[in-house]
Amino acid sequence: MEIDTVQWNTTSAQTLSAGHGKYNEQSMKKLIGIMESKKIIFLAVPAFVYLEWVPMISHVMSNRFNSVSYVSLVWSPNVVLNNFKEFTSKTNLSIPPEKFFFLDGQESNLTGSEDTGKGGIMGSLFGKKNETSVKLKWDADPALFAKSVSSHINSKGSEAVFVDTLTSIKEYYGDSNHVLKFAHSLIHDMRVQNRVTVFPFPIEKSSVSLGRDLQMFADAMAILK
């Protein structure tokens, strides 16, 4: 799916290019500019380079904000932190892990209770006495799940939020309407809490329609290539 062929519902989208994992300072400055002027930001990313963009976006956010709540609906916090380390080793660009609080929404948590994660690389990087993550419990109602997420973010008091990624909501609930319900509820709460919230979204043929619907909720949109 060529992202350039997608007809978006906005004429103000900015196109930012990094080129297959290569850091582009000019594009990153533009992304920072968006974060400084807008609250709800939708980032359309070609699916085949999505994993390369995630640490670059994280790097930008860690430089712009003192604290970021990272809502990980795909990877464990340990996997994300290992990706940060690999990114730093390749680019010499740091992603300070202490700036991130992880909301762990892996489907393996479905029957588990919400608790604080302190083991593995998390414990070694942050210290066992620090609360570095919380395991989320999914709810049958996506709006209630969003309320749980926003409650954790609010209690942590992070300046910004990174949601990785809304496609996982569709995989769990099974249809796009549930994704829109989750996104609408979470975005409403983030506006009330006055937090910059970034939604990177992998674009492929099967996700274009949902991507167009989601970007209608945003204050700004950028196409990452």
Protein backbone atom coordinates (compact mmCIF):
# COMPACT_ATOMS: atom_id res chain seq x y z
CA MET A 1 0.00 0.00 0.00
CA GLU A 2 1.54 3.30 -1.09
CA ILE A 3 0.84 5.86 1.61
CA ASP A 4 1.01 8.64 -0.99
CA THR A 5 -2.15 7.27 -2.64
CA VAL A 6 -4.28 7.58 0.51
CA GLN A 7 -6.90 10.33 0.37
CA TRP A 8 -6.82 11.83 3.87
CA ASN A 9 -9.62 13.90 5.38
CA THR A 10 -7.36 16.92 5.86
CA THR A 11 -5.44 19.25 3.61
CA SER A 12 -3.00 20.31 6.33
CA ALA A 13 -1.06 17.07 6.76
CA GLN A 14 2.72 17.45 6.84
CA THR A 15 4.96 14.85 5.21
CA LEU A 16 8.08 14.01 7.21
CA SER A 17 10.81 11.77 5.83
CA ALA A 18 13.53 9.83 7.59
CA GLY A 19 14.20 7.13 5.02
CA HIS A 20 14.13 3.57 6.31
CA GLY A 21 15.28 4.20 9.86
CA LYS A 22 17.73 7.00 9.09
CA TYR A 23 17.48 9.98 11.40
CA ASN A 24 16.50 13.17 9.60
CA GLU A 25 17.08 16.19 11.85
CA GLN A 26 14.92 18.54 9.79
CA SER A 27 11.96 16.15 9.92
CA MET A 28 12.44 15.64 13.66
CA LYS A 29 12.42 19.41 14.22
CA LYS A 30 9.15 19.63 12.32
CA LEU A 31 7.72 16.87 14.49
CA ILE A 32 8.79 18.76 17.63
CA GLY A 33 7.11 21.87 16.21
CA ILE A 34 3.85 19.95 15.87
CA MET A 35 4.13 18.71 19.45
CA GLU A 36 4.72 22.24 20.69
CA SER A 37 1.60 23.65 19.03
CA LYS A 38 -0.93 20.78 19.02
CA LYS A 39 -2.32 18.38 21.61
CA ILE A 40 -3.72 15.37 19.73
CA ILE A 41 -1.38 14.20 16.96
CA PHE A 42 -1.99 11.41 14.46
CA LEU A 43 1.04 9.98 12.68
CA ALA A 44 0.42 7.86 9.58
CA VAL A 45 3.32 5.46 9.09
CA PRO A 46 3.77 2.85 6.33
CA ALA A 47 3.44 -0.49 8.10
CA PHE A 48 6.75 -1.84 6.77
CA VAL A 49 8.75 0.96 8.46
CA TYR A 50 6.59 1.35 11.56
CA LEU A 51 9.09 -0.36 13.87
CA GLU A 52 11.85 1.94 12.64
CA TRP A 53 9.82 5.05 13.41
CA VAL A 54 8.74 4.09 16.94
CA PRO A 55 12.15 4.71 18.60
CA MET A 56 12.67 7.88 16.55
CA ILE A 57 9.34 9.27 17.78
CA SER A 58 10.25 8.16 21.31
CA HIS A 59 13.59 9.98 21.01
CA VAL A 60 11.85 13.19 19.94
CA MET A 61 9.33 12.95 22.79
CA SER A 62 12.01 12.26 25.38
CA ASN A 63 13.82 15.40 24.26
CA ARG A 64 10.70 17.56 24.21
CA PHE A 65 9.09 16.35 27.47
CA ASN A 66 10.29 15.52 30.97
CA SER A 67 7.88 12.62 31.34
CA VAL A 68 6.01 10.39 28.88
CA SER A 69 3.37 7.74 29.52
CA TYR A 70 3.99 5.00 26.95
CA VAL A 71 0.83 2.96 26.32
CA SER A 72 2.20 -0.25 24.85
CA LEU A 73 -0.58 -2.42 23.44
CA VAL A 74 1.80 -4.64 21.45
CA TRP A 75 5.16 -5.06 23.18
CA SER A 76 6.23 -5.59 26.75
CA PRO A 77 8.10 -2.66 28.33
CA ASN A 78 11.27 -4.79 28.29
CA VAL A 79 11.01 -5.22 24.51
CA VAL A 80 10.44 -1.49 24.02
CA LEU A 81 13.45 -0.62 26.18
CA ASN A 82 15.64 -3.07 24.26
CA ASN A 83 14.51 -1.35 21.05
CA PHE A 84 15.53 1.97 22.60
CA LYS A 85 18.98 0.59 23.37
CA GLU A 86 19.38 -0.79 19.85
CA PHE A 87 18.32 2.55 18.36
CA THR A 88 20.89 4.37 20.51
CA SER A 89 23.65 1.97 19.53
CA LYS A 90 22.92 2.56 15.83
CA THR A 91 22.41 6.31 15.92
CA ASN A 92 24.18 7.57 19.08
CA LEU A 93 20.89 9.33 19.90
CA SER A 94 19.76 8.76 23.45
CA ILE A 95 16.29 7.83 24.70
CA PRO A 96 16.45 8.31 28.50
CA PRO A 97 14.41 5.40 29.92
CA GLU A 98 13.77 7.21 33.19
CA LYS A 99 11.49 9.63 31.34
CA PHE A 100 9.02 6.86 30.44
CA PHE A 101 6.25 5.25 32.44
CA PHE A 102 4.86 2.17 30.70
CA LEU A 103 1.24 1.10 30.59
CA ASP A 104 1.56 -2.54 29.57
CA GLY A 105 -1.49 -3.64 27.60
CA GLN A 106 -0.29 -6.91 26.11
CA GLU A 107 -3.11 -9.40 25.64
CA SER A 108 -1.27 -11.74 28.04
CA ASN A 109 -2.52 -9.41 30.78
CA LEU A 110 -6.18 -10.10 30.05
CA THR A 111 -6.77 -12.20 33.14
CA GLY A 112 -4.09 -10.64 35.30
CA SER A 113 -4.43 -7.92 37.87
CA GLU A 114 -3.05 -4.44 37.51
CA ASP A 115 0.32 -4.20 39.22
CA THR A 116 3.67 -2.50 39.00
CA GLY A 117 6.43 -3.98 36.86
CA LYS A 118 9.91 -3.95 38.38
CA GLY A 119 11.69 -6.97 36.96
CA GLY A 120 14.12 -7.66 34.12
CA ILE A 121 15.63 -4.71 32.31
CA MET A 122 13.00 -2.48 33.92
CA GLY A 123 14.35 -3.13 37.39
CA SER A 124 17.98 -2.81 36.36
CA LEU A 125 17.43 0.50 34.56
CA PHE A 126 15.15 2.18 37.04
CA GLY A 127 15.81 0.52 40.40
CA LYS A 128 13.45 -1.89 42.06
CA LYS A 129 11.91 0.71 44.35
CA ASN A 130 10.64 2.85 41.50
CA GLU A 131 7.29 2.26 39.86
CA THR A 132 8.12 2.04 36.18
CA SER A 133 5.11 0.32 34.64
CA VAL A 134 1.61 -0.91 35.28
CA LYS A 135 -0.13 -3.88 33.70
CA LEU A 136 -3.47 -2.96 32.21
CA LYS A 137 -6.60 -5.09 32.36
CA TRP A 138 -8.62 -5.03 29.18
CA ASP A 139 -12.36 -4.44 29.52
CA ALA A 140 -15.21 -5.75 27.41
CA ASP A 141 -16.21 -2.12 26.87
CA PRO A 142 -13.48 -0.20 25.00
CA ALA A 143 -14.62 3.11 26.51
CA LEU A 144 -14.15 1.71 30.01
CA PHE A 145 -10.74 0.38 29.01
CA ALA A 146 -9.85 3.88 27.81
CA LYS A 147 -11.01 5.30 31.15
CA SER A 148 -8.68 2.89 32.94
CA VAL A 149 -5.77 3.96 30.74
CA SER A 150 -6.49 7.67 31.25
CA SER A 151 -6.78 7.16 35.02
CA HIS A 152 -3.28 5.67 35.18
CA ILE A 153 -1.91 8.49 33.02
CA ASN A 154 -3.57 11.09 35.20
CA SER A 155 -2.25 9.55 38.42
CA LYS A 156 1.27 9.49 36.98
CA GLY A 157 1.05 13.11 35.82
CA SER A 158 3.07 12.66 32.63
CA GLU A 159 3.46 15.64 30.32
CA ALA A 160 2.82 13.59 27.18
CA VAL A 161 1.40 10.26 26.04
CA PHE A 162 2.52 7.85 23.33
CA VAL A 163 -0.05 5.23 22.23
CA ASP A 164 1.48 2.21 20.45
CA THR A 165 -0.78 1.28 18.69
CA LEU A 166 -4.50 1.58 17.99
CA THR A 167 -4.39 -1.33 15.53
CA SER A 168 -4.06 -3.61 18.58
CA ILE A 169 -7.45 -2.38 19.77
CA LYS A 170 -9.01 -3.63 16.55
CA GLU A 171 -7.22 -6.97 16.82
CA TYR A 172 -8.63 -7.47 20.32
CA TYR A 173 -12.19 -6.19 19.89
CA GLY A 174 -12.56 -7.32 16.30
CA ASP A 175 -14.03 -4.26 14.60
CA SER A 176 -13.24 -0.65 13.84
CA ASN A 177 -16.16 0.81 15.78
CA HIS A 178 -14.62 -0.36 19.04
CA VAL A 179 -11.34 1.31 18.09
CA LEU A 180 -13.14 4.60 17.45
CA LYS A 181 -14.98 4.27 20.76
CA PHE A 182 -11.70 3.71 22.63
CA ALA A 183 -9.94 6.55 20.80
CA HIS A 184 -12.81 9.00 21.30
CA SER A 185 -12.92 8.30 25.04
CA LEU A 186 -9.15 8.47 25.54
CA ILE A 187 -8.76 11.62 23.43
CA HIS A 188 -11.56 13.34 25.35
CA ASP A 189 -9.78 12.62 28.64
CA MET A 190 -6.38 13.69 27.32
CA ARG A 191 -7.87 17.01 26.21
CA VAL A 192 -9.36 17.49 29.67
CA GLN A 193 -5.98 16.61 31.22
CA ASN A 194 -4.25 18.93 28.71
CA ARG A 195 -1.67 16.37 27.62
CA VAL A 196 0.08 16.09 24.25
CA THR A 197 -0.94 12.66 22.94
CA VAL A 198 0.71 11.01 19.95
CA PHE A 199 -0.91 8.20 17.98
CA PRO A 200 1.42 6.55 15.45
CA PHE A 201 -0.64 4.32 13.17
CA PRO A 202 0.71 1.70 10.73
CA ILE A 203 -0.87 2.13 7.32
CA GLU A 204 -1.48 -0.83 5.05
CA LYS A 205 -4.33 -1.69 2.70
CA SER A 206 -6.51 -3.19 5.44
CA SER A 207 -6.09 -0.23 7.81
CA VAL A 208 -6.56 2.79 5.52
CA SER A 209 -10.27 3.27 6.20
CA LEU A 210 -9.77 3.11 9.97
CA GLY A 211 -6.78 5.45 9.73
CA ARG A 212 -8.87 8.06 7.89
CA ASP A 213 -11.57 7.85 10.57
CA LEU A 214 -9.09 8.16 13.43
CA GLN A 215 -7.24 11.17 12.05
CA MET A 216 -10.50 13.13 12.15
CA PHE A 217 -10.14 13.20 15.96
CA ALA A 218 -6.70 14.79 15.79
CA ASP A 219 -5.54 18.41 15.97
CA ALA A 220 -2.66 17.67 13.61
CA MET A 221 -1.53 14.93 11.28
CA ALA A 222 1.84 14.02 9.83
CA ILE A 223 2.71 11.39 7.23
CA LEU A 224 5.96 9.65 8.12
CA LYS A 225 7.98 8.01 5.34
